[in-house]
Amino acid sequence: MTTPVVGIDIGGTKTAAALVDQTGRVLERHEVPTPARSGPGAVLDAAARLVTDLLGATTGPVGVGTAGTVDPATGGIRYATDSLPGWTGTPVADALAARLGRGVRVTNDVNAAALGECWAGAGRDRADVLLVAVGTGLGGAVVRNGRVEAGARGAAGEVGHLPAPGAERLRCGCGRYGHLEAIASGSGLAAAYSIETGTRVTGRNVADRAAAGDRVAQRVVERAGTALGAALAGLVALLDPEAVLVTGGAGGALLPAASVTYLAEVPAGWADVPLLPATLGADAVLVGAARLAIDRPDVGRTNR
C-alpha cells in the first residue's frame, strides 16, 4: 500500500485525525473538541467526519487510538473513565466501520503512541520497547517484535498500578492507594503538593513552580521522578526492552530525576538500555494509529 492512511486520536477533551504517509510523516491534521457529554454516538460521528474530510470518497483503512481499555478481539471498549461518559462497552471498530464503509482497527491510545514512536520517533528501528506516558494519569505500553502486547484483557503494560514506595498516602485513579500513578503523574504531583502546602493546583502548575524555584514543588517533582526511575529500572529487568521511552505532559518534568535513579538502579545486565524522551509529541497517537491500519489493512477489528 502506497497511499496515505488516517490515524485517529480520541480523547476526553479533543478528537484528532491525521493523514499519514508510508514513512510515518503527518501530511494533514484536523482536530475538534470531543463532544463527550453528548454520548458515544456523537463522539463517533465527530471522528467519522474528520476521516471523511481527510479521505473524501477514497477507500483505505483507518486506525484509532482511544482512551480506555480496548478489547483486543473486537475493537470495543472494555473500560473507560468518566472523561468519556458511556464509552465503556462502545463497539468503536464496528461502529466506525459502519459509518465509514471501510476497515477500522482500534487500540488504546498509549499503545498507539508506542507504535508511533517505534515507527517514526525515538524508538525507530527498535523492535522491543517499553513506553510510559506521564500525563494526568500514568499509562504504559509494551512493544515486542514490533507489535503491542495486548494481554488477555487488552490492558498489558499498565505500569501505573505497580506498588510504589512513597505513595502510601496518595490515591491512584483506580481508587486504591500506594500505586505508581498516585505519585508519578500529573494528578500525583497535584495531590502531593496539596498535602504539603494545603494549596490546590494542577500537576502542570507544580512542575512550573518547581522550575521557578519553589522548594516544595521541587521536592514533590524529585520524589515523583525518583519513584518512576526506580520502577522503570525494575521493569527493564522484567521485560528486557531495547529502550524505555517517556512521553506525556508531565514526562519532561519527571525525566531528570527519573534518569538519575534509573541509571543508579538498573541491573548491570541491562545497563545499555537507554531511558529516552519520546519525540513525536501530540502526533504520536495519530502516527501509531495509522501504523496499526497499515500493518493489517485487511482486518477490521482486532488489534493483535
C-alpha atoms as a PDB file:
ATOM      1  CA  MET A   1       0.000   0.000   0.000  1.00  0.00           C
ATOM      2  CA  THR A   2       1.424   3.377  -1.011  1.00  0.00           C
ATOM      3  CA  THR A   3      -1.482   5.733  -0.386  1.00  0.00           C
ATOM      4  CA  PRO A   4      -1.706   7.658   2.901  1.00  0.00           C
ATOM      5  CA  VAL A   5      -3.931   6.350   5.675  1.00  0.00           C
ATOM      6  CA  VAL A   6      -5.774   8.033   8.521  1.00  0.00           C
ATOM      7  CA  GLY A   7      -4.942   7.756  12.195  1.00  0.00           C
ATOM      8  CA  ILE A   8      -7.456   8.957  14.805  1.00  0.00           C
ATOM      9  CA  ASP A   9      -6.829  10.013  18.404  1.00  0.00           C
ATOM     10  CA  ILE A  10      -9.986  10.006  20.562  1.00  0.00           C
ATOM     11  CA  GLY A  11      -9.583  11.586  23.992  1.00  0.00           C
ATOM     12  CA  GLY A  12     -11.857  13.101  26.570  1.00  0.00           C
ATOM     13  CA  THR A  13     -11.003  16.654  25.526  1.00  0.00           C
ATOM     14  CA  LYS A  14     -10.192  16.534  21.832  1.00  0.00           C
ATOM     15  CA  THR A  15     -10.500  14.208  18.857  1.00  0.00           C
ATOM     16  CA  ALA A  16      -7.886  14.499  16.134  1.00  0.00           C
ATOM     17  CA  ALA A  17      -7.331  12.787  12.812  1.00  0.00           C
ATOM     18  CA  ALA A  18      -4.311  12.891  10.543  1.00  0.00           C
ATOM     19  CA  LEU A  19      -3.386  11.795   7.061  1.00  0.00           C
ATOM     20  CA  VAL A  20      -0.127   9.882   7.444  1.00  0.00           C
ATOM     21  CA  ASP A  21       2.202   8.706   4.682  1.00  0.00           C
ATOM     22  CA  GLN A  22       4.125   5.432   4.484  1.00  0.00           C
ATOM     23  CA  THR A  23       7.125   6.856   6.344  1.00  0.00           C
ATOM     24  CA  GLY A  24       5.097   7.987   9.369  1.00  0.00           C
ATOM     25  CA  ARG A  25       5.025  11.643   8.330  1.00  0.00           C
ATOM     26  CA  VAL A  26       1.861  13.607   9.134  1.00  0.00           C
ATOM     27  CA  LEU A  27       0.640  15.255   5.935  1.00  0.00           C
ATOM     28  CA  GLU A  28      -2.509  16.899   7.241  1.00  0.00           C
ATOM     29  CA  ARG A  29      -4.127  17.140  10.641  1.00  0.00           C
ATOM     30  CA  HIS A  30      -7.648  18.101  11.755  1.00  0.00           C
ATOM     31  CA  GLU A  31      -8.927  18.432  15.312  1.00  0.00           C
ATOM     32  CA  VAL A  32     -12.242  19.143  17.042  1.00  0.00           C
ATOM     33  CA  PRO A  33     -13.367  19.224  20.680  1.00  0.00           C
ATOM     34  CA  THR A  34     -14.657  15.811  21.711  1.00  0.00           C
ATOM     35  CA  PRO A  35     -18.436  16.015  22.268  1.00  0.00           C
ATOM     36  CA  ALA A  36     -18.026  13.682  25.234  1.00  0.00           C
ATOM     37  CA  ARG A  37     -21.113  14.870  27.138  1.00  0.00           C
ATOM     38  CA  SER A  38     -23.306  14.155  24.114  1.00  0.00           C
ATOM     39  CA  GLY A  39     -22.556  10.444  24.287  1.00  0.00           C
ATOM     40  CA  PRO A  40     -20.600   7.833  22.326  1.00  0.00           C
ATOM     41  CA  GLY A  41     -22.642   8.268  19.149  1.00  0.00           C
ATOM     42  CA  ALA A  42     -21.730  11.936  18.920  1.00  0.00           C
ATOM     43  CA  VAL A  43     -18.053  11.136  19.559  1.00  0.00           C
ATOM     44  CA  LEU A  44     -18.042   8.555  16.759  1.00  0.00           C
ATOM     45  CA  ASP A  45     -19.875  10.924  14.426  1.00  0.00           C
ATOM     46  CA  ALA A  46     -17.223  13.585  15.041  1.00  0.00           C
ATOM     47  CA  ALA A  47     -14.429  11.103  14.346  1.00  0.00           C
ATOM     48  CA  ALA A  48     -16.123   9.918  11.165  1.00  0.00           C
ATOM     49  CA  ARG A  49     -16.483  13.491   9.886  1.00  0.00           C
ATOM     50  CA  LEU A  50     -12.770  14.082  10.397  1.00  0.00           C
ATOM     51  CA  VAL A  51     -11.931  10.974   8.380  1.00  0.00           C
ATOM     52  CA  THR A  52     -14.280  11.990   5.570  1.00  0.00           C
ATOM     53  CA  ASP A  53     -12.720  15.451   5.478  1.00  0.00           C
ATOM     54  CA  LEU A  54      -9.282  13.893   5.056  1.00  0.00           C
ATOM     55  CA  LEU A  55     -10.026  10.992   2.709  1.00  0.00           C
ATOM     56  CA  GLY A  56     -13.176  12.088   0.911  1.00  0.00           C
ATOM     57  CA  ALA A  57     -14.701   9.271  -1.082  1.00  0.00           C
ATOM     58  CA  THR A  58     -11.465   7.289  -1.410  1.00  0.00           C
ATOM     59  CA  THR A  59     -11.151   3.922   0.273  1.00  0.00           C
ATOM     60  CA  GLY A  60      -8.489   2.909   2.712  1.00  0.00           C
ATOM     61  CA  PRO A  61      -8.058   1.602   6.230  1.00  0.00           C
ATOM     62  CA  VAL A  62      -8.345   3.683   9.372  1.00  0.00           C
ATOM     63  CA  GLY A  63      -6.584   3.204  12.688  1.00  0.00           C
ATOM     64  CA  VAL A  64      -7.801   4.523  16.041  1.00  0.00           C
ATOM     65  CA  GLY A  65      -6.052   5.175  19.327  1.00  0.00           C
ATOM     66  CA  THR A  66      -8.609   5.827  22.035  1.00  0.00           C
ATOM     67  CA  ALA A  67      -8.825   6.447  25.737  1.00  0.00           C
ATOM     68  CA  GLY A  68      -9.957   3.364  27.616  1.00  0.00           C
ATOM     69  CA  THR A  69      -9.109  -0.322  27.666  1.00  0.00           C
ATOM     70  CA  VAL A  70      -9.727  -1.878  24.258  1.00  0.00           C
ATOM     71  CA  ASP A  71     -10.863  -5.482  23.792  1.00  0.00           C
ATOM     72  CA  PRO A  72      -8.168  -6.977  21.540  1.00  0.00           C
ATOM     73  CA  ALA A  73     -10.659  -9.337  19.914  1.00  0.00           C
ATOM     74  CA  THR A  74     -13.391  -6.867  18.966  1.00  0.00           C
ATOM     75  CA  GLY A  75     -12.024  -3.330  18.980  1.00  0.00           C
ATOM     76  CA  GLY A  76     -14.680  -2.407  21.561  1.00  0.00           C
ATOM     77  CA  ILE A  77     -14.142  -0.611  24.869  1.00  0.00           C
ATOM     78  CA  ARG A  78     -13.872  -2.824  27.926  1.00  0.00           C
ATOM     79  CA  TYR A  79     -13.489   0.047  30.377  1.00  0.00           C
ATOM     80  CA  ALA A  80     -13.218   3.834  30.273  1.00  0.00           C
ATOM     81  CA  THR A  81     -13.238   6.605  32.845  1.00  0.00           C
ATOM     82  CA  ASP A  82     -15.793   9.384  33.170  1.00  0.00           C
ATOM     83  CA  SER A  83     -13.755  11.576  30.807  1.00  0.00           C
ATOM     84  CA  LEU A  84     -15.784   9.801  28.101  1.00  0.00           C
ATOM     85  CA  PRO A  85     -19.213   9.123  29.654  1.00  0.00           C
ATOM     86  CA  GLY A  86     -20.813   5.936  28.365  1.00  0.00           C
ATOM     87  CA  TRP A  87     -17.678   4.929  26.436  1.00  0.00           C
ATOM     88  CA  THR A  88     -17.431   1.581  28.253  1.00  0.00           C
ATOM     89  CA  GLY A  89     -18.998  -1.053  26.004  1.00  0.00           C
ATOM     90  CA  THR A  90     -18.876   1.079  22.845  1.00  0.00           C
ATOM     91  CA  PRO A  91     -18.074  -1.079  19.772  1.00  0.00           C
ATOM     92  CA  VAL A  92     -15.702   1.517  18.325  1.00  0.00           C
ATOM     93  CA  ALA A  93     -14.296  -0.584  15.462  1.00  0.00           C
ATOM     94  CA  ASP A  94     -17.665  -1.851  14.227  1.00  0.00           C
ATOM     95  CA  ALA A  95     -19.472   1.455  14.724  1.00  0.00           C
ATOM     96  CA  LEU A  96     -16.859   3.497  12.872  1.00  0.00           C
ATOM     97  CA  ALA A  97     -16.578   0.899  10.117  1.00  0.00           C
ATOM     98  CA  ALA A  98     -20.339   1.143   9.599  1.00  0.00           C
ATOM     99  CA  ARG A  99     -20.150   4.936   9.394  1.00  0.00           C
ATOM    100  CA  LEU A 100     -17.178   4.978   7.041  1.00  0.00           C
ATOM    101  CA  GLY A 101     -17.641   1.877   4.921  1.00  0.00           C
ATOM    102  CA  ARG A 102     -14.016   0.835   5.404  1.00  0.00           C
ATOM    103  CA  GLY A 103     -11.899  -1.267   7.729  1.00  0.00           C
ATOM    104  CA  VAL A 104     -11.161   0.198  11.156  1.00  0.00           C
ATOM    105  CA  ARG A 105      -8.625  -1.063  13.686  1.00  0.00           C
ATOM    106  CA  VAL A 106      -8.634   0.123  17.285  1.00  0.00           C
ATOM    107  CA  THR A 107      -6.175   0.117  20.174  1.00  0.00           C
ATOM    108  CA  ASN A 108      -5.631   2.040  23.392  1.00  0.00           C
ATOM    109  CA  ASP A 109      -4.110   5.499  22.916  1.00  0.00           C
ATOM    110  CA  VAL A 110      -0.906   4.706  24.829  1.00  0.00           C
ATOM    111  CA  ASN A 111      -0.448   1.555  22.752  1.00  0.00           C
ATOM    112  CA  ALA A 112      -0.861   3.673  19.642  1.00  0.00           C
ATOM    113  CA  ALA A 113       1.705   6.187  20.922  1.00  0.00           C
ATOM    114  CA  ALA A 114       4.189   3.349  21.404  1.00  0.00           C
ATOM    115  CA  LEU A 115       3.621   2.121  17.853  1.00  0.00           C
ATOM    116  CA  GLY A 116       4.092   5.649  16.549  1.00  0.00           C
ATOM    117  CA  GLU A 117       7.339   6.191  18.425  1.00  0.00           C
ATOM    118  CA  CYS A 118       8.698   2.826  17.258  1.00  0.00           C
ATOM    119  CA  TRP A 119       7.823   3.652  13.662  1.00  0.00           C
ATOM    120  CA  ALA A 120       8.852   7.275  13.319  1.00  0.00           C
ATOM    121  CA  GLY A 121      10.059   8.560  16.691  1.00  0.00           C
ATOM    122  CA  ALA A 122      12.536   7.852  19.470  1.00  0.00           C
ATOM    123  CA  GLY A 123      12.030   4.086  19.178  1.00  0.00           C
ATOM    124  CA  ARG A 124      12.666   3.958  15.447  1.00  0.00           C
ATOM    125  CA  ASP A 125      14.371   0.724  14.333  1.00  0.00           C
ATOM    126  CA  ARG A 126      13.818  -0.868  17.749  1.00  0.00           C
ATOM    127  CA  ALA A 127      11.557  -3.909  17.890  1.00  0.00           C
ATOM    128  CA  ASP A 128      11.224  -4.171  21.689  1.00  0.00           C
ATOM    129  CA  VAL A 129      10.307  -1.027  23.632  1.00  0.00           C
ATOM    130  CA  LEU A 130       8.637  -0.014  26.875  1.00  0.00           C
ATOM    131  CA  LEU A 131       6.816   3.318  26.638  1.00  0.00           C
ATOM    132  CA  VAL A 132       5.484   5.166  29.671  1.00  0.00           C
ATOM    133  CA  ALA A 133       3.033   8.053  29.246  1.00  0.00           C
ATOM    134  CA  VAL A 134       3.101  10.506  32.153  1.00  0.00           C
ATOM    135  CA  GLY A 135       0.031  12.714  31.895  1.00  0.00           C
ATOM    136  CA  THR A 136      -2.865  13.300  34.264  1.00  0.00           C
ATOM    137  CA  GLY A 137      -2.529   9.584  34.947  1.00  0.00           C
ATOM    138  CA  LEU A 138       0.243   7.106  34.168  1.00  0.00           C
ATOM    139  CA  GLY A 139      -0.052   4.669  31.289  1.00  0.00           C
ATOM    140  CA  GLY A 140       2.290   2.234  29.630  1.00  0.00           C
ATOM    141  CA  ALA A 141       2.695   0.013  26.611  1.00  0.00           C
ATOM    142  CA  VAL A 142       5.000  -2.868  25.752  1.00  0.00           C
ATOM    143  CA  VAL A 143       6.091  -3.335  22.142  1.00  0.00           C
ATOM    144  CA  ARG A 144       7.585  -6.741  21.406  1.00  0.00           C
ATOM    145  CA  ASN A 145       8.811  -7.788  17.982  1.00  0.00           C
ATOM    146  CA  GLY A 146       7.276  -4.611  16.584  1.00  0.00           C
ATOM    147  CA  ARG A 147       3.780  -5.308  17.897  1.00  0.00           C
ATOM    148  CA  VAL A 148       1.979  -4.133  21.016  1.00  0.00           C
ATOM    149  CA  GLU A 149       1.465  -6.752  23.695  1.00  0.00           C
ATOM    150  CA  ALA A 150      -2.277  -6.680  24.300  1.00  0.00           C
ATOM    151  CA  GLY A 151      -2.513  -9.190  27.138  1.00  0.00           C
ATOM    152  CA  ALA A 152      -5.604 -11.221  27.949  1.00  0.00           C
ATOM    153  CA  ARG A 153      -7.782  -8.124  28.510  1.00  0.00           C
ATOM    154  CA  GLY A 154      -6.120  -5.576  26.259  1.00  0.00           C
ATOM    155  CA  ALA A 155      -4.519  -3.941  29.299  1.00  0.00           C
ATOM    156  CA  ALA A 156      -0.914  -5.191  29.275  1.00  0.00           C
ATOM    157  CA  GLY A 157       1.677  -2.554  30.174  1.00  0.00           C
ATOM    158  CA  GLU A 158      -0.407  -0.652  32.738  1.00  0.00           C
ATOM    159  CA  VAL A 159       2.607   0.306  34.836  1.00  0.00           C
ATOM    160  CA  GLY A 160       0.662   2.878  36.829  1.00  0.00           C
ATOM    161  CA  HIS A 161      -0.705   0.240  39.197  1.00  0.00           C
ATOM    162  CA  LEU A 162       2.631  -1.068  40.430  1.00  0.00           C
ATOM    163  CA  PRO A 163       3.194  -0.538  44.166  1.00  0.00           C
ATOM    164  CA  ALA A 164       5.464   2.476  44.759  1.00  0.00           C
ATOM    165  CA  PRO A 165       7.253   3.466  47.986  1.00  0.00           C
ATOM    166  CA  GLY A 166       6.303   6.993  48.979  1.00  0.00           C
ATOM    167  CA  ALA A 167       2.808   6.798  47.524  1.00  0.00           C
ATOM    168  CA  GLU A 168       1.127   5.278  50.563  1.00  0.00           C
ATOM    169  CA  ARG A 169      -0.959   8.394  51.323  1.00  0.00           C
ATOM    170  CA  LEU A 170      -1.764   9.106  47.684  1.00  0.00           C
ATOM    171  CA  ARG A 171      -4.850   7.798  45.904  1.00  0.00           C
ATOM    172  CA  CYS A 172      -4.462   6.258  42.463  1.00  0.00           C
ATOM    173  CA  GLY A 173      -7.007   6.850  39.713  1.00  0.00           C
ATOM    174  CA  CYS A 174      -8.158   3.247  40.191  1.00  0.00           C
ATOM    175  CA  GLY A 175      -9.275   4.118  43.741  1.00  0.00           C
ATOM    176  CA  ARG A 176      -6.535   2.314  45.645  1.00  0.00           C
ATOM    177  CA  TYR A 177      -3.589   3.865  47.469  1.00  0.00           C
ATOM    178  CA  GLY A 178       0.140   3.395  47.039  1.00  0.00           C
ATOM    179  CA  HIS A 179       0.369   2.878  43.292  1.00  0.00           C
ATOM    180  CA  LEU A 180       2.970   4.421  40.997  1.00  0.00           C
ATOM    181  CA  GLU A 181       0.339   6.545  39.231  1.00  0.00           C
ATOM    182  CA  ALA A 182      -0.554   8.102  42.588  1.00  0.00           C
ATOM    183  CA  ILE A 183       2.908   9.672  42.839  1.00  0.00           C
ATOM    184  CA  ALA A 184       4.389   9.777  39.315  1.00  0.00           C
ATOM    185  CA  SER A 185       1.682  11.568  37.332  1.00  0.00           C
ATOM    186  CA  GLY A 186       0.131  14.994  36.969  1.00  0.00           C
ATOM    187  CA  SER A 187      -2.603  14.132  39.450  1.00  0.00           C
ATOM    188  CA  GLY A 188       0.031  12.685  41.789  1.00  0.00           C
ATOM    189  CA  LEU A 189       2.083  15.870  41.691  1.00  0.00           C
ATOM    190  CA  ALA A 190      -1.022  17.920  42.471  1.00  0.00           C
ATOM    191  CA  ALA A 191      -2.076  15.662  45.356  1.00  0.00           C
ATOM    192  CA  ALA A 192       1.377  15.562  46.946  1.00  0.00           C
ATOM    193  CA  TYR A 193       1.763  19.334  46.698  1.00  0.00           C
ATOM    194  CA  SER A 194      -1.652  19.837  48.274  1.00  0.00           C
ATOM    195  CA  ILE A 195      -0.766  17.560  51.204  1.00  0.00           C
ATOM    196  CA  GLU A 196       2.417  19.539  51.887  1.00  0.00           C
ATOM    197  CA  THR A 197       1.086  23.066  51.362  1.00  0.00           C
ATOM    198  CA  GLY A 198      -2.704  22.952  51.552  1.00  0.00           C
ATOM    199  CA  THR A 199      -2.739  24.625  48.130  1.00  0.00           C
ATOM    200  CA  ARG A 200      -4.670  23.035  45.314  1.00  0.00           C
ATOM    201  CA  VAL A 201      -3.032  23.442  41.914  1.00  0.00           C
ATOM    202  CA  THR A 202      -2.672  21.270  38.815  1.00  0.00           C
ATOM    203  CA  GLY A 203       0.237  18.954  38.142  1.00  0.00           C
ATOM    204  CA  ARG A 204       1.352  21.336  35.415  1.00  0.00           C
ATOM    205  CA  ASN A 205       1.382  24.157  37.963  1.00  0.00           C
ATOM    206  CA  VAL A 206       3.528  22.064  40.301  1.00  0.00           C
ATOM    207  CA  ALA A 207       6.039  21.427  37.519  1.00  0.00           C
ATOM    208  CA  ASP A 208       6.084  25.122  36.638  1.00  0.00           C
ATOM    209  CA  ARG A 209       6.567  26.105  40.286  1.00  0.00           C
ATOM    210  CA  ALA A 210       9.422  23.623  40.601  1.00  0.00           C
ATOM    211  CA  ALA A 211      11.116  25.126  37.554  1.00  0.00           C
ATOM    212  CA  ALA A 212      10.655  28.602  39.072  1.00  0.00           C
ATOM    213  CA  GLY A 213      12.403  27.597  42.299  1.00  0.00           C
ATOM    214  CA  ASP A 214       9.539  26.593  44.633  1.00  0.00           C
ATOM    215  CA  ARG A 215      11.306  24.272  47.093  1.00  0.00           C
ATOM    216  CA  VAL A 216       8.212  22.253  47.979  1.00  0.00           C
ATOM    217  CA  ALA A 217       7.345  21.742  44.325  1.00  0.00           C
ATOM    218  CA  GLN A 218      10.928  20.697  43.645  1.00  0.00           C
ATOM    219  CA  ARG A 219      10.737  18.060  46.406  1.00  0.00           C
ATOM    220  CA  VAL A 220       7.435  16.761  45.036  1.00  0.00           C
ATOM    221  CA  VAL A 221       8.802  16.503  41.488  1.00  0.00           C
ATOM    222  CA  GLU A 222      12.036  14.922  42.736  1.00  0.00           C
ATOM    223  CA  ARG A 223      10.153  12.249  44.694  1.00  0.00           C
ATOM    224  CA  ALA A 224       7.899  11.512  41.739  1.00  0.00           C
ATOM    225  CA  GLY A 225      10.794  11.219  39.314  1.00  0.00           C
ATOM    226  CA  THR A 226      12.737   9.020  41.719  1.00  0.00           C
ATOM    227  CA  ALA A 227       9.773   6.659  42.106  1.00  0.00           C
ATOM    228  CA  LEU A 228       9.328   6.499  38.339  1.00  0.00           C
ATOM    229  CA  GLY A 229      13.016   5.829  37.672  1.00  0.00           C
ATOM    230  CA  ALA A 230      13.179   3.029  40.237  1.00  0.00           C
ATOM    231  CA  ALA A 231      10.084   1.359  38.815  1.00  0.00           C
ATOM    232  CA  LEU A 232      11.415   1.580  35.262  1.00  0.00           C
ATOM    233  CA  ALA A 233      14.725   0.043  36.296  1.00  0.00           C
ATOM    234  CA  GLY A 234      12.873  -2.972  37.681  1.00  0.00           C
ATOM    235  CA  LEU A 235      10.643  -3.230  34.631  1.00  0.00           C
ATOM    236  CA  VAL A 236      13.661  -3.302  32.337  1.00  0.00           C
ATOM    237  CA  ALA A 237      14.886  -6.440  34.090  1.00  0.00           C
ATOM    238  CA  LEU A 238      11.420  -7.991  33.762  1.00  0.00           C
ATOM    239  CA  LEU A 239      10.643  -7.041  30.159  1.00  0.00           C
ATOM    240  CA  ASP A 240      14.122  -6.815  28.596  1.00  0.00           C
ATOM    241  CA  PRO A 241      13.363  -3.986  26.117  1.00  0.00           C
ATOM    242  CA  GLU A 242      15.856  -2.288  23.820  1.00  0.00           C
ATOM    243  CA  ALA A 243      14.831   1.137  25.147  1.00  0.00           C
ATOM    244  CA  VAL A 244      12.460   2.845  27.566  1.00  0.00           C
ATOM    245  CA  LEU A 245      10.616   5.936  26.291  1.00  0.00           C
ATOM    246  CA  VAL A 246       8.902   8.588  28.401  1.00  0.00           C
ATOM    247  CA  THR A 247       6.162  10.756  26.933  1.00  0.00           C
ATOM    248  CA  GLY A 248       3.260  12.868  28.178  1.00  0.00           C
ATOM    249  CA  GLY A 249       2.712  16.354  29.552  1.00  0.00           C
ATOM    250  CA  ALA A 250       4.368  15.638  32.909  1.00  0.00           C
ATOM    251  CA  GLY A 251       7.066  13.389  31.497  1.00  0.00           C
ATOM    252  CA  GLY A 252       9.560  16.172  30.876  1.00  0.00           C
ATOM    253  CA  ALA A 253       9.354  17.395  34.465  1.00  0.00           C
ATOM    254  CA  LEU A 254       9.947  13.931  35.926  1.00  0.00           C
ATOM    255  CA  LEU A 255      12.596  12.739  33.478  1.00  0.00           C
ATOM    256  CA  PRO A 256      15.689  14.373  35.068  1.00  0.00           C
ATOM    257  CA  ALA A 257      15.169  12.755  38.480  1.00  0.00           C
ATOM    258  CA  ALA A 258      13.899   9.560  36.886  1.00  0.00           C
ATOM    259  CA  SER A 259      17.044   9.291  34.773  1.00  0.00           C
ATOM    260  CA  VAL A 260      19.352   9.641  37.779  1.00  0.00           C
ATOM    261  CA  THR A 261      17.548   6.928  39.722  1.00  0.00           C
ATOM    262  CA  TYR A 262      17.155   4.704  36.669  1.00  0.00           C
ATOM    263  CA  LEU A 263      20.905   4.749  35.991  1.00  0.00           C
ATOM    264  CA  ALA A 264      21.646   4.017  39.647  1.00  0.00           C
ATOM    265  CA  GLU A 265      19.116   1.181  39.951  1.00  0.00           C
ATOM    266  CA  VAL A 266      19.075  -0.611  36.592  1.00  0.00           C
ATOM    267  CA  PRO A 267      20.789  -4.019  36.892  1.00  0.00           C
ATOM    268  CA  ALA A 268      24.202  -4.322  35.250  1.00  0.00           C
ATOM    269  CA  GLY A 269      22.936  -6.732  32.624  1.00  0.00           C
ATOM    270  CA  TRP A 270      20.644  -4.012  31.269  1.00  0.00           C
ATOM    271  CA  ALA A 271      22.923  -1.011  31.742  1.00  0.00           C
ATOM    272  CA  ASP A 272      22.933  -0.399  27.978  1.00  0.00           C
ATOM    273  CA  VAL A 273      19.124   0.059  27.819  1.00  0.00           C
ATOM    274  CA  PRO A 274      18.584   3.814  27.429  1.00  0.00           C
ATOM    275  CA  LEU A 275      15.867   5.892  29.078  1.00  0.00           C
ATOM    276  CA  LEU A 276      14.835   8.405  26.418  1.00  0.00           C
ATOM    277  CA  PRO A 277      12.290  11.185  25.909  1.00  0.00           C
ATOM    278  CA  ALA A 278       9.744  10.422  23.212  1.00  0.00           C
ATOM    279  CA  THR A 279       9.901  12.733  20.207  1.00  0.00           C
ATOM    280  CA  LEU A 280       6.544  12.738  18.392  1.00  0.00           C
ATOM    281  CA  GLY A 281       4.603  14.731  20.979  1.00  0.00           C
ATOM    282  CA  ALA A 282       0.906  15.165  20.218  1.00  0.00           C
ATOM    283  CA  ASP A 283       1.276  13.303  16.910  1.00  0.00           C
ATOM    284  CA  ALA A 284       2.389  10.012  18.473  1.00  0.00           C
ATOM    285  CA  VAL A 285      -1.100   8.509  18.835  1.00  0.00           C
ATOM    286  CA  LEU A 286      -2.092   9.592  15.325  1.00  0.00           C
ATOM    287  CA  VAL A 287       1.040   8.136  13.754  1.00  0.00           C
ATOM    288  CA  GLY A 288       0.718   4.923  15.730  1.00  0.00           C
ATOM    289  CA  ALA A 289      -2.950   4.530  14.844  1.00  0.00           C
ATOM    290  CA  ALA A 290      -2.027   4.920  11.173  1.00  0.00           C
ATOM    291  CA  ARG A 291       0.665   2.281  11.600  1.00  0.00           C
ATOM    292  CA  LEU A 292      -1.923  -0.051  13.098  1.00  0.00           C
ATOM    293  CA  ALA A 293      -4.043   0.345   9.966  1.00  0.00           C
ATOM    294  CA  ILE A 294      -1.100  -0.189   7.626  1.00  0.00           C
ATOM    295  CA  ASP A 295       0.089  -3.341   9.368  1.00  0.00           C
ATOM    296  CA  ARG A 296      -3.137  -5.240   8.781  1.00  0.00           C
ATOM    297  CA  PRO A 297      -5.315  -3.282   6.339  1.00  0.00           C
ATOM    298  CA  ASP A 298      -7.463  -6.331   5.655  1.00  0.00           C
ATOM    299  CA  VAL A 299      -8.614  -6.694   9.260  1.00  0.00           C
ATOM    300  CA  GLY A 300     -11.464  -4.632  10.530  1.00  0.00           C
ATOM    301  CA  ARG A 301     -11.475  -5.290  14.216  1.00  0.00           C
ATOM    302  CA  THR A 302      -8.659  -6.966  16.081  1.00  0.00           C
ATOM    303  CA  ASN A 303      -5.510  -5.301  17.299  1.00  0.00           C
ATOM    304  CA  ARG A 304      -3.430  -8.421  17.654  1.00  0.00           C
END
